[in-house]
Amino acid sequence: MADYHFVYKDVEGASTQWDDIQRKLGNLPLKPPAFKPDPFEPAPDPDSVHKDKSWIDEKTEEELEEIEDDLDDDRFLEEYRKKRLAEMREAVKISKYGSVMPISGSDFVREVSQAPQDVWVVVILYKEGFLECGLLLQCLEELAVKYPATKFVKIISTDCIPNYPDRNLPTLLVYNNGAVKANYVGLHSFGHRCTPEGVALVLCQSDPVLNDGQSGSNASVLEGVRKRFIEKVVTEHEDHDDDGSSSD
């Protein structure tokens, strides 16, 4: 005799026949779709990846050094790899400056006199609490950011030169290849208004002291310094004229 109380159940244990009837009557929500796993895709083979300039651009310096042997058969990519490595190393070299670094008397020889031959070092002798020193320091901080391949340092005057007179503050010393190339005593050396553009122009009068690490030649750096100075003077002149006309 047949068992009329038997209800067929599917693999998940649900009453399929009963659920279907209830869903048709609207008493149950629609059954969710059956789970389907994502299609299998094997991991890409590194050796099968197309190698071009963009592939090299994505590599770090360490990775570029490691793949040297992989590009033996592709002269173009090998040359491009070398170029990218050179650019990365130059960028690291440039980024090591970019601010006015404080030093002590014991640091002077190492940080200034023994600096690399291709690096210009600008040293400010100063003391805290002197308005003139603060003004020149502000200008140097701005120049240090614009010209990160030039090294800027600051040192308390009497830490550098014992009994150095306060009347000479601030004093700027310019070093290259271990020798003093220029010195500027007092704020008046930079004009009646001390601005970063004016200081830059004075520093580059006789030597290419400032270096942004990107312009490619000393001439282009000097041209940029002169251009910014002229633009600053013109802007200040226009602002002065506007103030004068508004007061009439």
Protein backbone atom coordinates (compact mmCIF):
# COMPACT_ATOMS: atom_id res chain seq x y z
CA MET A 1 0.00 0.00 0.00
CA ALA A 2 1.36 3.39 -1.00
CA ASP A 3 2.44 5.90 1.65
CA TYR A 4 0.35 9.00 0.90
CA HIS A 5 2.13 11.03 3.59
CA PHE A 6 5.50 10.89 1.82
CA VAL A 7 6.69 14.26 0.60
CA TYR A 8 9.66 14.39 -1.76
CA LYS A 9 12.59 16.51 -0.51
CA ASP A 10 15.43 17.82 -2.66
CA VAL A 11 19.11 17.82 -1.79
CA GLU A 12 18.83 20.89 0.39
CA GLY A 13 16.08 19.31 2.51
CA ALA A 14 13.29 21.56 1.22
CA SER A 15 9.82 20.24 0.35
CA THR A 16 10.11 20.95 -3.36
CA GLN A 17 6.56 19.97 -4.33
CA TRP A 18 4.99 21.78 -1.40
CA ASP A 19 7.17 24.87 -1.82
CA ASP A 20 6.32 25.07 -5.51
CA ILE A 21 2.60 25.02 -4.67
CA GLN A 22 3.06 27.72 -2.01
CA ARG A 23 5.08 29.89 -4.38
CA LYS A 24 2.35 29.62 -7.01
CA LEU A 25 -0.15 30.73 -4.37
CA GLY A 26 2.12 33.64 -3.42
CA ASN A 27 2.68 32.37 0.12
CA LEU A 28 6.44 31.99 -0.30
CA PRO A 29 9.07 34.18 -1.98
CA LEU A 30 10.61 33.03 -5.21
CA LYS A 31 13.31 30.44 -4.85
CA PRO A 32 16.82 31.97 -5.13
CA PRO A 33 18.81 30.95 -8.18
CA ALA A 34 21.06 27.94 -7.84
CA PHE A 35 24.65 28.72 -6.86
CA LYS A 36 27.06 28.72 -9.78
CA PRO A 37 30.79 29.09 -9.08
CA ASP A 38 32.79 31.54 -11.18
CA PRO A 39 34.40 29.96 -14.20
CA PHE A 40 37.92 28.77 -13.51
CA GLU A 41 40.69 30.93 -14.90
CA PRO A 42 44.28 29.82 -14.49
CA ALA A 43 46.71 32.34 -13.02
CA PRO A 44 48.56 34.29 -15.73
CA ASP A 45 51.99 33.06 -16.58
CA PRO A 46 54.50 35.89 -15.94
CA ASP A 47 56.54 34.74 -18.94
CA SER A 48 53.52 35.10 -21.24
CA VAL A 49 52.78 38.74 -20.29
CA HIS A 50 53.37 41.16 -23.14
CA LYS A 51 56.45 43.24 -22.34
CA ASP A 52 56.46 46.88 -23.44
CA LYS A 53 57.27 50.34 -22.03
CA SER A 54 54.17 50.40 -19.81
CA TRP A 55 55.18 47.00 -18.37
CA ILE A 56 58.56 48.47 -17.39
CA ASP A 57 56.97 51.66 -16.00
CA GLU A 58 55.05 49.56 -13.47
CA LYS A 59 58.24 48.06 -12.03
CA THR A 60 60.04 49.28 -8.91
CA GLU A 61 63.76 49.95 -8.91
CA GLU A 62 64.45 46.57 -7.29
CA GLU A 63 62.27 44.75 -9.84
CA LEU A 64 64.01 46.51 -12.74
CA GLU A 65 67.35 45.30 -11.45
CA GLU A 66 66.06 41.73 -11.18
CA ILE A 67 64.66 41.48 -14.72
CA GLU A 68 67.91 42.44 -16.44
CA ASP A 69 68.51 38.90 -17.72
CA ASP A 70 64.91 38.61 -18.98
CA LEU A 71 65.47 41.36 -21.56
CA ASP A 72 68.66 40.11 -23.15
CA ASP A 73 66.85 39.42 -26.43
CA ASP A 74 65.07 42.79 -26.57
CA ARG A 75 67.58 45.60 -27.01
CA PHE A 76 64.94 48.35 -27.01
CA LEU A 77 63.37 47.28 -23.71
CA GLU A 78 66.79 46.76 -22.14
CA GLU A 79 67.78 50.34 -23.05
CA TYR A 80 64.46 51.61 -21.71
CA ARG A 81 64.99 49.65 -18.49
CA LYS A 82 68.37 51.33 -18.01
CA LYS A 83 66.82 54.74 -18.66
CA ARG A 84 64.07 54.15 -16.08
CA LEU A 85 66.64 53.02 -13.51
CA ALA A 86 68.70 56.16 -14.11
CA GLU A 87 65.61 58.36 -13.71
CA MET A 88 64.65 56.66 -10.44
CA ARG A 89 68.15 56.99 -8.99
CA GLU A 90 68.34 60.65 -10.00
CA ALA A 91 64.96 61.32 -8.38
CA VAL A 92 66.21 59.76 -5.14
CA LYS A 93 69.34 61.90 -5.32
CA ILE A 94 67.32 65.09 -5.79
CA SER A 95 64.81 64.34 -3.05
CA LYS A 96 67.47 64.06 -0.32
CA TYR A 97 67.45 67.87 0.09
CA GLY A 98 64.44 70.19 -0.15
CA SER A 99 64.54 71.97 3.22
CA VAL A 100 66.89 74.06 5.35
CA MET A 101 68.63 71.50 7.55
CA PRO A 102 69.87 72.58 11.00
CA ILE A 103 73.46 71.60 11.80
CA SER A 104 75.84 72.06 14.72
CA GLY A 105 79.49 73.08 14.74
CA SER A 106 80.61 69.45 14.79
CA ASP A 107 78.52 68.75 11.66
CA PHE A 108 79.99 71.58 9.59
CA VAL A 109 82.91 69.78 7.97
CA ARG A 110 80.87 66.69 7.07
CA GLU A 111 77.75 68.51 5.85
CA VAL A 112 79.39 71.52 4.18
CA SER A 113 83.12 71.20 3.48
CA GLN A 114 82.88 67.52 2.51
CA ALA A 115 79.66 67.76 0.49
CA PRO A 116 79.79 66.14 -2.99
CA GLN A 117 81.68 68.19 -5.57
CA ASP A 118 78.61 68.67 -7.76
CA VAL A 119 76.49 70.01 -4.88
CA TRP A 120 76.30 73.69 -3.95
CA VAL A 121 75.77 74.37 -0.24
CA VAL A 122 74.12 77.53 1.09
CA VAL A 123 74.82 78.15 4.79
CA ILE A 124 73.00 80.74 6.88
CA LEU A 125 74.58 81.93 10.14
CA TYR A 126 71.73 83.11 12.36
CA LYS A 127 70.36 83.45 15.88
CA GLU A 128 66.84 83.02 17.19
CA GLY A 129 64.94 86.20 17.98
CA PHE A 130 66.51 88.31 15.23
CA LEU A 131 63.84 89.61 12.82
CA GLU A 132 66.30 89.87 9.92
CA CYS A 133 67.38 86.25 10.41
CA GLY A 134 63.76 85.12 10.38
CA LEU A 135 63.04 86.95 7.12
CA LEU A 136 66.03 85.44 5.32
CA LEU A 137 65.25 81.99 6.69
CA GLN A 138 61.72 82.19 5.26
CA CYS A 139 63.18 82.99 1.84
CA LEU A 140 65.64 80.11 2.05
CA GLU A 141 62.92 77.65 3.08
CA GLU A 142 61.00 78.53 -0.09
CA LEU A 143 64.10 78.29 -2.28
CA ALA A 144 65.05 74.94 -0.73
CA VAL A 145 61.72 73.50 -1.92
CA LYS A 146 62.09 74.95 -5.44
CA TYR A 147 65.74 73.88 -5.79
CA PRO A 148 66.04 70.50 -4.01
CA ALA A 149 69.38 69.66 -5.66
CA THR A 150 70.99 72.58 -3.80
CA LYS A 151 71.79 71.92 -0.16
CA PHE A 152 70.59 74.51 2.37
CA VAL A 153 71.75 74.39 6.01
CA LYS A 154 71.43 76.71 9.00
CA ILE A 155 73.71 77.02 12.00
CA ILE A 156 73.79 79.26 15.09
CA SER A 157 76.44 81.87 14.29
CA THR A 158 78.54 81.38 17.44
CA ASP A 159 78.41 77.59 17.00
CA CYS A 160 80.08 78.08 13.63
CA ILE A 161 82.42 80.99 14.45
CA PRO A 162 83.06 81.71 18.17
CA ASN A 163 82.33 85.34 19.16
CA TYR A 164 80.82 86.09 15.74
CA PRO A 165 79.31 89.61 16.00
CA ASP A 166 75.53 89.81 16.10
CA ARG A 167 75.69 92.97 13.96
CA ASN A 168 76.71 90.76 11.01
CA LEU A 169 73.58 88.63 11.20
CA PRO A 170 72.26 87.12 9.12
CA THR A 171 75.29 85.97 7.13
CA LEU A 172 75.07 83.72 4.10
CA LEU A 173 77.99 81.53 3.00
CA VAL A 174 78.06 79.69 -0.32
CA TYR A 175 80.25 76.58 -0.61
CA ASN A 176 81.19 74.34 -3.50
CA ASN A 177 83.82 71.62 -3.68
CA GLY A 178 84.93 72.40 -0.13
CA ALA A 179 85.63 76.11 -0.72
CA VAL A 180 83.79 79.35 0.02
CA LYS A 181 82.56 80.81 -3.28
CA ALA A 182 80.64 83.80 -1.88
CA ASN A 183 79.52 85.41 1.36
CA TYR A 184 76.81 87.95 2.10
CA VAL A 185 76.80 89.85 5.40
CA GLY A 186 73.55 91.40 6.58
CA LEU A 187 70.09 91.54 5.10
CA HIS A 188 70.93 94.62 3.01
CA SER A 189 72.86 92.35 0.62
CA PHE A 190 69.49 91.25 -0.78
CA GLY A 191 67.89 94.63 -1.37
CA HIS A 192 65.54 96.78 0.67
CA ARG A 193 62.87 94.06 0.46
CA CYS A 194 64.06 90.53 1.11
CA THR A 195 62.12 88.16 -1.17
CA PRO A 196 62.89 84.59 -2.30
CA GLU A 197 63.20 85.83 -5.90
CA GLY A 198 65.65 88.57 -4.89
CA VAL A 199 67.76 86.17 -2.82
CA ALA A 200 67.81 83.69 -5.71
CA LEU A 201 69.01 86.35 -8.12
CA VAL A 202 71.84 87.42 -5.78
CA LEU A 203 72.94 83.83 -5.19
CA CYS A 204 73.17 83.16 -8.93
CA GLN A 205 74.95 86.38 -9.93
CA SER A 206 78.34 84.78 -10.47
CA ASP A 207 77.73 81.02 -10.11
CA PRO A 208 74.89 78.57 -10.81
CA VAL A 209 74.27 78.02 -7.09
CA LEU A 210 70.62 77.00 -7.39
CA ASN A 211 69.75 73.68 -8.99
CA ASP A 212 66.27 72.20 -9.34
CA GLY A 213 67.64 68.92 -10.66
CA GLN A 214 65.31 68.97 -13.67
CA SER A 215 66.14 71.90 -15.95
CA GLY A 216 69.04 70.07 -17.56
CA SER A 217 71.49 72.99 -17.71
CA ASN A 218 72.76 75.83 -15.56
CA ALA A 219 71.67 78.35 -18.19
CA SER A 220 68.04 77.25 -18.01
CA VAL A 221 68.07 77.44 -14.19
CA LEU A 222 69.53 80.95 -14.30
CA GLU A 223 66.99 82.01 -16.91
CA GLY A 224 64.20 80.71 -14.68
CA VAL A 225 65.60 82.65 -11.68
CA ARG A 226 65.73 85.89 -13.68
CA LYS A 227 62.23 85.36 -15.06
CA ARG A 228 60.70 84.78 -11.62
CA PHE A 229 62.50 87.85 -10.24
CA ILE A 230 61.18 90.09 -13.03
CA GLU A 231 57.66 88.70 -12.62
CA LYS A 232 57.82 89.39 -8.87
CA VAL A 233 58.97 92.99 -9.42
CA VAL A 234 56.28 93.63 -12.03
CA THR A 235 53.56 92.15 -9.80
CA GLU A 236 54.63 94.24 -6.81
CA HIS A 237 54.74 97.37 -9.00
CA GLU A 238 51.22 96.71 -10.30
CA ASP A 239 49.92 96.08 -6.78
CA HIS A 240 51.51 99.36 -5.63
CA ASP A 241 49.87 101.26 -8.51
CA ASP A 242 46.49 99.73 -7.67
CA ASP A 243 46.80 100.74 -4.02
CA GLY A 244 47.81 104.27 -5.01
CA SER A 245 44.91 104.73 -7.41
CA SER A 246 42.36 103.45 -4.89
CA SER A 247 43.47 106.00 -2.30
CA ASP A 248 42.83 108.99 -4.62
